[in-house]
Amino acid sequence: MQGRSMLPTLHPGDQVLVHPNAYRHRLPQQGDIVLARHPHQGGLYLIKRIQSVVSDQYFLIGDNLSESTDSRVFRAVTLDLILGKVVSLF
């Protein structure tokens, strides 16, 4: 984990375990913390919380709003950009 966008939940240097098949049989839910591909920078990965789900679009937001680049900037994302659910923190 880099950056401060998910403070106080996740800190810079934290490591997370991502379940890549978590959404194979169910859709992401509001409140889930997910690993997603940035919609405009394909090589950039984000860890964000799903704030809301509207019409199969997922609004991703950081817990630390003042330090987060998220769907407030790049808008809601589609399911194909969500790579998995964060299930554990080290």
N, C-alpha and C. Protein backbone atom coordinates (compact mmCIF):
# COMPACT_ATOMS: atom_id res chain seq x y z
N MET A 1 0.86 -1.17 0.00
CA MET A 1 0.00 0.00 0.00
C MET A 1 0.89 1.23 0.00
N GLN A 2 0.65 2.11 -0.96
CA GLN A 2 1.36 3.38 -1.00
C GLN A 2 0.35 4.50 -0.85
N GLY A 3 0.79 5.61 -0.39
CA GLY A 3 -0.09 6.76 -0.29
C GLY A 3 -0.94 6.75 0.96
N ARG A 4 -1.64 7.86 1.14
CA ARG A 4 -2.41 8.08 2.36
C ARG A 4 -3.92 8.12 2.11
N SER A 5 -4.34 7.67 0.94
CA SER A 5 -5.75 7.83 0.57
C SER A 5 -6.71 6.96 1.37
N MET A 6 -6.21 5.89 2.00
CA MET A 6 -7.11 5.01 2.75
C MET A 6 -6.91 5.11 4.27
N LEU A 7 -6.17 6.13 4.74
CA LEU A 7 -6.06 6.34 6.18
C LEU A 7 -7.43 6.64 6.76
N PRO A 8 -7.79 6.19 7.92
CA PRO A 8 -6.99 5.45 8.88
C PRO A 8 -7.07 3.93 8.70
N THR A 9 -7.82 3.45 7.71
CA THR A 9 -7.99 2.01 7.53
C THR A 9 -6.70 1.32 7.10
N LEU A 10 -6.05 1.87 6.09
CA LEU A 10 -4.79 1.31 5.56
C LEU A 10 -3.74 2.40 5.60
N HIS A 11 -2.52 2.00 5.96
CA HIS A 11 -1.41 2.96 6.08
C HIS A 11 -0.36 2.68 5.03
N PRO A 12 0.41 3.71 4.65
CA PRO A 12 1.51 3.48 3.72
C PRO A 12 2.41 2.36 4.27
N GLY A 13 2.75 1.42 3.41
CA GLY A 13 3.57 0.29 3.81
C GLY A 13 2.77 -0.94 4.20
N ASP A 14 1.47 -0.78 4.47
CA ASP A 14 0.64 -1.96 4.75
C ASP A 14 0.60 -2.86 3.53
N GLN A 15 0.48 -4.14 3.79
CA GLN A 15 0.28 -5.11 2.71
C GLN A 15 -1.12 -5.68 2.85
N VAL A 16 -1.75 -5.94 1.71
CA VAL A 16 -3.10 -6.46 1.71
C VAL A 16 -3.15 -7.76 0.93
N LEU A 17 -4.12 -8.59 1.28
CA LEU A 17 -4.40 -9.81 0.54
C LEU A 17 -5.68 -9.55 -0.24
N VAL A 18 -5.62 -9.77 -1.54
CA VAL A 18 -6.77 -9.52 -2.41
C VAL A 18 -7.30 -10.86 -2.93
N HIS A 19 -8.60 -11.05 -2.78
CA HIS A 19 -9.26 -12.26 -3.30
C HIS A 19 -9.73 -11.94 -4.72
N PRO A 20 -9.02 -12.48 -5.75
CA PRO A 20 -9.36 -12.12 -7.13
C PRO A 20 -10.67 -12.71 -7.63
N ASN A 21 -11.19 -13.73 -6.97
CA ASN A 21 -12.44 -14.35 -7.42
C ASN A 21 -13.61 -14.02 -6.51
N ALA A 22 -13.47 -13.03 -5.66
CA ALA A 22 -14.52 -12.70 -4.70
C ALA A 22 -15.84 -12.33 -5.37
N TYR A 23 -15.75 -11.81 -6.58
CA TYR A 23 -16.96 -11.34 -7.25
C TYR A 23 -17.37 -12.25 -8.40
N ARG A 24 -16.90 -13.46 -8.37
CA ARG A 24 -17.29 -14.42 -9.40
C ARG A 24 -18.77 -14.80 -9.26
N HIS A 25 -19.25 -14.92 -8.01
CA HIS A 25 -20.63 -15.37 -7.79
C HIS A 25 -21.52 -14.32 -7.15
N ARG A 26 -20.94 -13.18 -6.81
CA ARG A 26 -21.75 -12.08 -6.27
C ARG A 26 -21.13 -10.77 -6.68
N LEU A 27 -21.93 -9.74 -6.73
CA LEU A 27 -21.45 -8.43 -7.15
C LEU A 27 -20.84 -7.69 -5.97
N PRO A 28 -19.91 -6.78 -6.23
CA PRO A 28 -19.36 -5.95 -5.16
C PRO A 28 -20.47 -5.17 -4.47
N GLN A 29 -20.26 -4.94 -3.18
CA GLN A 29 -21.26 -4.27 -2.36
C GLN A 29 -20.72 -2.96 -1.82
N GLN A 30 -21.62 -2.06 -1.51
CA GLN A 30 -21.26 -0.82 -0.85
C GLN A 30 -20.49 -1.15 0.42
N GLY A 31 -19.36 -0.47 0.63
CA GLY A 31 -18.54 -0.70 1.81
C GLY A 31 -17.36 -1.62 1.57
N ASP A 32 -17.38 -2.43 0.51
CA ASP A 32 -16.25 -3.30 0.20
C ASP A 32 -15.02 -2.47 -0.13
N ILE A 33 -13.85 -2.94 0.29
CA ILE A 33 -12.59 -2.34 -0.13
C ILE A 33 -12.06 -3.21 -1.26
N VAL A 34 -11.74 -2.57 -2.39
CA VAL A 34 -11.39 -3.32 -3.59
C VAL A 34 -10.08 -2.85 -4.20
N LEU A 35 -9.48 -3.75 -4.97
CA LEU A 35 -8.36 -3.40 -5.84
C LEU A 35 -8.95 -3.17 -7.21
N ALA A 36 -8.64 -2.03 -7.80
CA ALA A 36 -9.19 -1.69 -9.12
C ALA A 36 -8.10 -1.11 -10.00
N ARG A 37 -8.30 -1.25 -11.28
CA ARG A 37 -7.41 -0.62 -12.27
C ARG A 37 -7.92 0.80 -12.51
N HIS A 38 -7.00 1.75 -12.53
CA HIS A 38 -7.38 3.15 -12.80
C HIS A 38 -8.01 3.22 -14.19
N PRO A 39 -9.15 3.90 -14.33
CA PRO A 39 -9.84 3.91 -15.63
C PRO A 39 -9.10 4.65 -16.74
N HIS A 40 -8.15 5.53 -16.40
CA HIS A 40 -7.45 6.30 -17.43
C HIS A 40 -5.97 6.00 -17.51
N GLN A 41 -5.44 5.27 -16.53
CA GLN A 41 -4.02 4.93 -16.49
C GLN A 41 -3.94 3.42 -16.22
N GLY A 42 -3.98 2.64 -17.28
CA GLY A 42 -4.09 1.18 -17.19
C GLY A 42 -3.07 0.50 -16.31
N GLY A 43 -1.88 1.06 -16.16
CA GLY A 43 -0.86 0.44 -15.34
C GLY A 43 -0.92 0.84 -13.88
N LEU A 44 -1.89 1.65 -13.50
CA LEU A 44 -2.01 2.13 -12.13
C LEU A 44 -3.14 1.38 -11.43
N TYR A 45 -2.84 0.86 -10.25
CA TYR A 45 -3.83 0.12 -9.47
C TYR A 45 -4.19 0.92 -8.23
N LEU A 46 -5.45 0.83 -7.83
CA LEU A 46 -5.99 1.60 -6.73
C LEU A 46 -6.61 0.68 -5.70
N ILE A 47 -6.51 1.06 -4.45
CA ILE A 47 -7.28 0.40 -3.40
C ILE A 47 -8.23 1.47 -2.86
N LYS A 48 -9.52 1.19 -3.01
CA LYS A 48 -10.55 2.16 -2.63
C LYS A 48 -11.75 1.42 -2.05
N ARG A 49 -12.61 2.17 -1.38
CA ARG A 49 -13.85 1.62 -0.84
C ARG A 49 -14.99 1.94 -1.81
N ILE A 50 -15.91 1.01 -1.97
CA ILE A 50 -17.09 1.26 -2.80
C ILE A 50 -18.07 2.07 -1.97
N GLN A 51 -18.29 3.30 -2.41
CA GLN A 51 -19.21 4.18 -1.70
C GLN A 51 -20.65 3.93 -2.12
N SER A 52 -20.85 3.70 -3.42
CA SER A 52 -22.20 3.46 -3.90
C SER A 52 -22.15 2.69 -5.22
N VAL A 53 -23.30 2.08 -5.52
CA VAL A 53 -23.45 1.33 -6.76
C VAL A 53 -24.73 1.82 -7.43
N VAL A 54 -24.58 2.31 -8.67
CA VAL A 54 -25.73 2.80 -9.42
C VAL A 54 -25.60 2.31 -10.86
N SER A 55 -26.60 1.59 -11.32
CA SER A 55 -26.64 1.12 -12.71
C SER A 55 -25.35 0.44 -13.13
N ASP A 56 -24.90 -0.53 -12.33
CA ASP A 56 -23.68 -1.29 -12.63
C ASP A 56 -22.43 -0.42 -12.72
N GLN A 57 -22.46 0.72 -12.10
CA GLN A 57 -21.30 1.61 -11.99
C GLN A 57 -20.93 1.69 -10.51
N TYR A 58 -19.65 1.62 -10.23
CA TYR A 58 -19.16 1.59 -8.86
C TYR A 58 -18.42 2.88 -8.56
N PHE A 59 -18.90 3.62 -7.56
CA PHE A 59 -18.27 4.87 -7.15
C PHE A 59 -17.26 4.53 -6.08
N LEU A 60 -15.97 4.67 -6.41
CA LEU A 60 -14.87 4.32 -5.51
C LEU A 60 -14.36 5.58 -4.84
N ILE A 61 -14.11 5.47 -3.55
CA ILE A 61 -13.65 6.64 -2.80
C ILE A 61 -12.64 6.20 -1.74
N GLY A 62 -11.68 7.06 -1.48
CA GLY A 62 -10.71 6.81 -0.43
C GLY A 62 -11.29 7.20 0.92
N ASP A 63 -10.82 6.55 1.98
CA ASP A 63 -11.30 6.90 3.32
C ASP A 63 -10.78 8.26 3.76
N ASN A 64 -9.64 8.67 3.23
CA ASN A 64 -9.04 9.96 3.57
C ASN A 64 -9.30 10.91 2.41
N LEU A 65 -10.43 11.58 2.44
CA LEU A 65 -10.90 12.36 1.29
C LEU A 65 -9.91 13.43 0.84
N SER A 66 -9.20 14.04 1.77
CA SER A 66 -8.29 15.12 1.38
C SER A 66 -7.04 14.61 0.67
N GLU A 67 -6.77 13.30 0.74
CA GLU A 67 -5.56 12.73 0.14
C GLU A 67 -5.88 11.75 -0.98
N SER A 68 -7.12 11.66 -1.41
CA SER A 68 -7.52 10.61 -2.34
C SER A 68 -7.90 11.13 -3.72
N THR A 69 -7.35 10.47 -4.72
CA THR A 69 -7.82 10.63 -6.09
C THR A 69 -8.73 9.44 -6.35
N ASP A 70 -9.98 9.69 -6.60
CA ASP A 70 -10.96 8.62 -6.66
C ASP A 70 -12.07 8.97 -7.64
N SER A 71 -13.22 8.36 -7.50
CA SER A 71 -14.31 8.58 -8.45
C SER A 71 -14.83 10.01 -8.47
N ARG A 72 -14.48 10.80 -7.48
CA ARG A 72 -14.82 12.22 -7.53
C ARG A 72 -14.06 12.89 -8.66
N VAL A 73 -12.92 12.32 -9.04
CA VAL A 73 -12.10 12.84 -10.13
C VAL A 73 -12.35 12.09 -11.43
N PHE A 74 -12.29 10.75 -11.38
CA PHE A 74 -12.38 9.95 -12.61
C PHE A 74 -13.74 9.30 -12.84
N ARG A 75 -14.71 9.59 -11.99
CA ARG A 75 -16.09 9.10 -12.09
C ARG A 75 -16.19 7.63 -11.71
N ALA A 76 -17.39 7.11 -11.72
CA ALA A 76 -17.64 5.72 -11.35
C ALA A 76 -16.99 4.79 -12.38
N VAL A 77 -16.68 3.57 -11.91
CA VAL A 77 -16.03 2.59 -12.78
C VAL A 77 -16.96 1.39 -13.00
N THR A 78 -16.67 0.63 -14.03
CA THR A 78 -17.44 -0.57 -14.32
C THR A 78 -16.78 -1.78 -13.66
N LEU A 79 -17.52 -2.86 -13.56
CA LEU A 79 -17.07 -4.07 -12.89
C LEU A 79 -15.77 -4.63 -13.47
N ASP A 80 -15.56 -4.47 -14.76
CA ASP A 80 -14.35 -5.02 -15.37
C ASP A 80 -13.06 -4.38 -14.85
N LEU A 81 -13.16 -3.22 -14.22
CA LEU A 81 -11.98 -2.57 -13.65
C LEU A 81 -11.72 -2.98 -12.20
N ILE A 82 -12.66 -3.67 -11.59
CA ILE A 82 -12.49 -4.16 -10.22
C ILE A 82 -11.84 -5.53 -10.29
N LEU A 83 -10.65 -5.64 -9.72
CA LEU A 83 -9.82 -6.84 -9.85
C LEU A 83 -9.98 -7.80 -8.68
N GLY A 84 -10.53 -7.34 -7.58
CA GLY A 84 -10.71 -8.23 -6.44
C GLY A 84 -11.06 -7.46 -5.19
N LYS A 85 -11.37 -8.23 -4.15
CA LYS A 85 -11.76 -7.67 -2.86
C LYS A 85 -10.59 -7.80 -1.89
N VAL A 86 -10.31 -6.72 -1.17
CA VAL A 86 -9.30 -6.77 -0.10
C VAL A 86 -9.93 -7.54 1.06
N VAL A 87 -9.28 -8.66 1.44
CA VAL A 87 -9.84 -9.52 2.47
C VAL A 87 -9.00 -9.58 3.74
N SER A 88 -7.75 -9.11 3.67
CA SER A 88 -6.90 -9.14 4.84
C SER A 88 -5.85 -8.07 4.75
N LEU A 89 -5.37 -7.66 5.89
CA LEU A 89 -4.37 -6.58 5.98
C LEU A 89 -3.23 -7.07 6.86
N PHE A 90 -1.98 -6.79 6.44
CA PHE A 90 -0.80 -7.21 7.20
C PHE A 90 0.03 -6.00 7.57
